[in-house]
């Protein structure tokens, strides 16, 4: 797996809390949202942790795409969080 992609995935998740401080999400929340919406399920029901080491290259690419999309589109982030919580039985 491409180490640069792994680092990009980690960097994006670490940057988003600073952008959306008002949402009070920690970095792992953004990773959860992107992963759940990449795998169409609670990610930990599909792959073992740590996710970024155990997802396929295509799945990592899509998770990075989603994290980048969240930087530009807060409404998409909110909608994907809602979907993630449904996958987790929390809504």
C-alpha atoms as a PDB file:
ATOM      1  CA  UNK A   1       0.000   0.000   0.000  1.00  0.00           C
ATOM      2  CA  UNK A   2       1.207   3.478  -0.830  1.00  0.00           C
ATOM      3  CA  UNK A   3       2.666   5.132   2.284  1.00  0.00           C
ATOM      4  CA  UNK A   4       2.006   8.589   0.857  1.00  0.00           C
ATOM      5  CA  UNK A   5      -1.697   7.775   0.578  1.00  0.00           C
ATOM      6  CA  UNK A   6      -1.771   6.514   4.150  1.00  0.00           C
ATOM      7  CA  UNK A   7      -0.136   9.739   5.292  1.00  0.00           C
ATOM      8  CA  UNK A   8      -2.576  11.823   3.244  1.00  0.00           C
ATOM      9  CA  UNK A   9      -5.498   9.940   4.825  1.00  0.00           C
ATOM     10  CA  UNK A  10      -4.105  10.606   8.307  1.00  0.00           C
ATOM     11  CA  UNK A  11      -3.298  14.254   7.546  1.00  0.00           C
ATOM     12  CA  UNK A  12      -6.794  14.956   6.205  1.00  0.00           C
ATOM     13  CA  UNK A  13      -8.446  13.461   9.281  1.00  0.00           C
ATOM     14  CA  UNK A  14      -6.153  15.456  11.527  1.00  0.00           C
ATOM     15  CA  UNK A  15      -6.842  18.724   9.660  1.00  0.00           C
ATOM     16  CA  UNK A  16     -10.642  18.567   9.575  1.00  0.00           C
ATOM     17  CA  UNK A  17     -11.223  19.209  13.327  1.00  0.00           C
ATOM     18  CA  UNK A  18      -9.479  22.569  12.910  1.00  0.00           C
ATOM     19  CA  UNK A  19     -11.689  23.473   9.963  1.00  0.00           C
ATOM     20  CA  UNK A  20     -14.945  22.409  11.623  1.00  0.00           C
ATOM     21  CA  UNK A  21     -14.146  23.199  15.248  1.00  0.00           C
ATOM     22  CA  UNK A  22     -17.812  24.112  15.812  1.00  0.00           C
ATOM     23  CA  UNK A  23     -18.855  20.484  15.162  1.00  0.00           C
ATOM     24  CA  UNK A  24     -16.684  19.288  18.047  1.00  0.00           C
ATOM     25  CA  UNK A  25     -15.660  16.136  16.139  1.00  0.00           C
ATOM     26  CA  UNK A  26     -12.278  14.576  16.894  1.00  0.00           C
ATOM     27  CA  UNK A  27     -10.071  13.315  14.060  1.00  0.00           C
ATOM     28  CA  UNK A  28     -11.321   9.744  14.474  1.00  0.00           C
ATOM     29  CA  UNK A  29     -14.870  10.948  13.795  1.00  0.00           C
ATOM     30  CA  UNK A  30     -13.918  12.102  10.302  1.00  0.00           C
ATOM     31  CA  UNK A  31     -12.166   8.818   9.617  1.00  0.00           C
ATOM     32  CA  UNK A  32     -15.247   6.930  10.895  1.00  0.00           C
ATOM     33  CA  UNK A  33     -17.563   8.931   8.654  1.00  0.00           C
ATOM     34  CA  UNK A  34     -15.391   8.471   5.558  1.00  0.00           C
ATOM     35  CA  UNK A  35     -14.774   4.775   6.216  1.00  0.00           C
ATOM     36  CA  UNK A  36     -18.408   3.934   6.945  1.00  0.00           C
ATOM     37  CA  UNK A  37     -19.466   5.723   3.763  1.00  0.00           C
ATOM     38  CA  UNK A  38     -16.731   3.948   1.787  1.00  0.00           C
ATOM     39  CA  UNK A  39     -17.697   0.484   3.037  1.00  0.00           C
ATOM     40  CA  UNK A  40     -21.487   1.109   3.314  1.00  0.00           C
ATOM     41  CA  UNK A  41     -21.454  -0.296   6.842  1.00  0.00           C
ATOM     42  CA  UNK A  42     -19.887   0.188  10.254  1.00  0.00           C
ATOM     43  CA  UNK A  43     -16.316  -0.154   9.017  1.00  0.00           C
ATOM     44  CA  UNK A  44     -15.144  -2.313  11.912  1.00  0.00           C
ATOM     45  CA  UNK A  45     -17.768  -4.917  10.980  1.00  0.00           C
ATOM     46  CA  UNK A  46     -16.101  -5.232   7.553  1.00  0.00           C
ATOM     47  CA  UNK A  47     -12.359  -4.925   8.172  1.00  0.00           C
ATOM     48  CA  UNK A  48     -10.060  -5.151  11.204  1.00  0.00           C
ATOM     49  CA  UNK A  49      -8.425  -2.136  12.802  1.00  0.00           C
ATOM     50  CA  UNK A  50      -6.465  -0.130  11.977  1.00  0.00           C
ATOM     51  CA  UNK A  51      -8.645   0.528   8.967  1.00  0.00           C
ATOM     52  CA  UNK A  52      -6.119   2.489   6.933  1.00  0.00           C
ATOM     53  CA  UNK A  53      -3.818  -0.554   6.950  1.00  0.00           C
ATOM     54  CA  UNK A  54      -6.522  -3.084   6.144  1.00  0.00           C
ATOM     55  CA  UNK A  55      -8.642  -1.489   3.424  1.00  0.00           C
ATOM     56  CA  UNK A  56      -7.905  -2.018  -0.231  1.00  0.00           C
ATOM     57  CA  UNK A  57      -6.067   0.563  -2.288  1.00  0.00           C
ATOM     58  CA  UNK A  58      -9.339   1.494  -4.048  1.00  0.00           C
ATOM     59  CA  UNK A  59     -11.135   1.861  -0.723  1.00  0.00           C
ATOM     60  CA  UNK A  60      -8.316   4.050   0.609  1.00  0.00           C
ATOM     61  CA  UNK A  61      -8.515   6.189  -2.527  1.00  0.00           C
ATOM     62  CA  UNK A  62     -12.258   6.640  -2.022  1.00  0.00           C
ATOM     63  CA  UNK A  63     -11.907   7.435   1.688  1.00  0.00           C
ATOM     64  CA  UNK A  64      -9.324  10.107   0.786  1.00  0.00           C
ATOM     65  CA  UNK A  65     -11.698  11.447  -1.868  1.00  0.00           C
ATOM     66  CA  UNK A  66     -14.450  11.721   0.756  1.00  0.00           C
ATOM     67  CA  UNK A  67     -12.191  13.431   3.295  1.00  0.00           C
ATOM     68  CA  UNK A  68     -11.185  15.974   0.633  1.00  0.00           C
ATOM     69  CA  UNK A  69     -14.852  16.447  -0.267  1.00  0.00           C
ATOM     70  CA  UNK A  70     -15.657  17.159   3.376  1.00  0.00           C
ATOM     71  CA  UNK A  71     -13.127  20.001   3.311  1.00  0.00           C
ATOM     72  CA  UNK A  72     -15.220  21.665   0.608  1.00  0.00           C
ATOM     73  CA  UNK A  73     -18.753  20.613   1.547  1.00  0.00           C
ATOM     74  CA  UNK A  74     -19.907  20.733   5.159  1.00  0.00           C
ATOM     75  CA  UNK A  75     -23.411  19.587   4.185  1.00  0.00           C
ATOM     76  CA  UNK A  76     -21.997  16.410   2.645  1.00  0.00           C
ATOM     77  CA  UNK A  77     -20.055  15.815   5.857  1.00  0.00           C
ATOM     78  CA  UNK A  78     -23.217  16.264   7.950  1.00  0.00           C
ATOM     79  CA  UNK A  79     -25.193  13.933   5.682  1.00  0.00           C
ATOM     80  CA  UNK A  80     -22.463  11.294   5.734  1.00  0.00           C
ATOM     81  CA  UNK A  81     -22.282  11.542   9.526  1.00  0.00           C
ATOM     82  CA  UNK A  82     -26.033  10.905   9.671  1.00  0.00           C
ATOM     83  CA  UNK A  83     -25.627   7.833   7.433  1.00  0.00           C
ATOM     84  CA  UNK A  84     -22.678   6.603   9.522  1.00  0.00           C
ATOM     85  CA  UNK A  85     -24.728   6.854  12.699  1.00  0.00           C
ATOM     86  CA  UNK A  86     -27.533   4.850  11.055  1.00  0.00           C
ATOM     87  CA  UNK A  87     -25.003   2.126  10.181  1.00  0.00           C
ATOM     88  CA  UNK A  88     -24.103   2.120  13.860  1.00  0.00           C
ATOM     89  CA  UNK A  89     -27.708   1.975  15.094  1.00  0.00           C
ATOM     90  CA  UNK A  90     -27.474   5.409  16.685  1.00  0.00           C
ATOM     91  CA  UNK A  91     -30.240   7.153  14.710  1.00  0.00           C
END
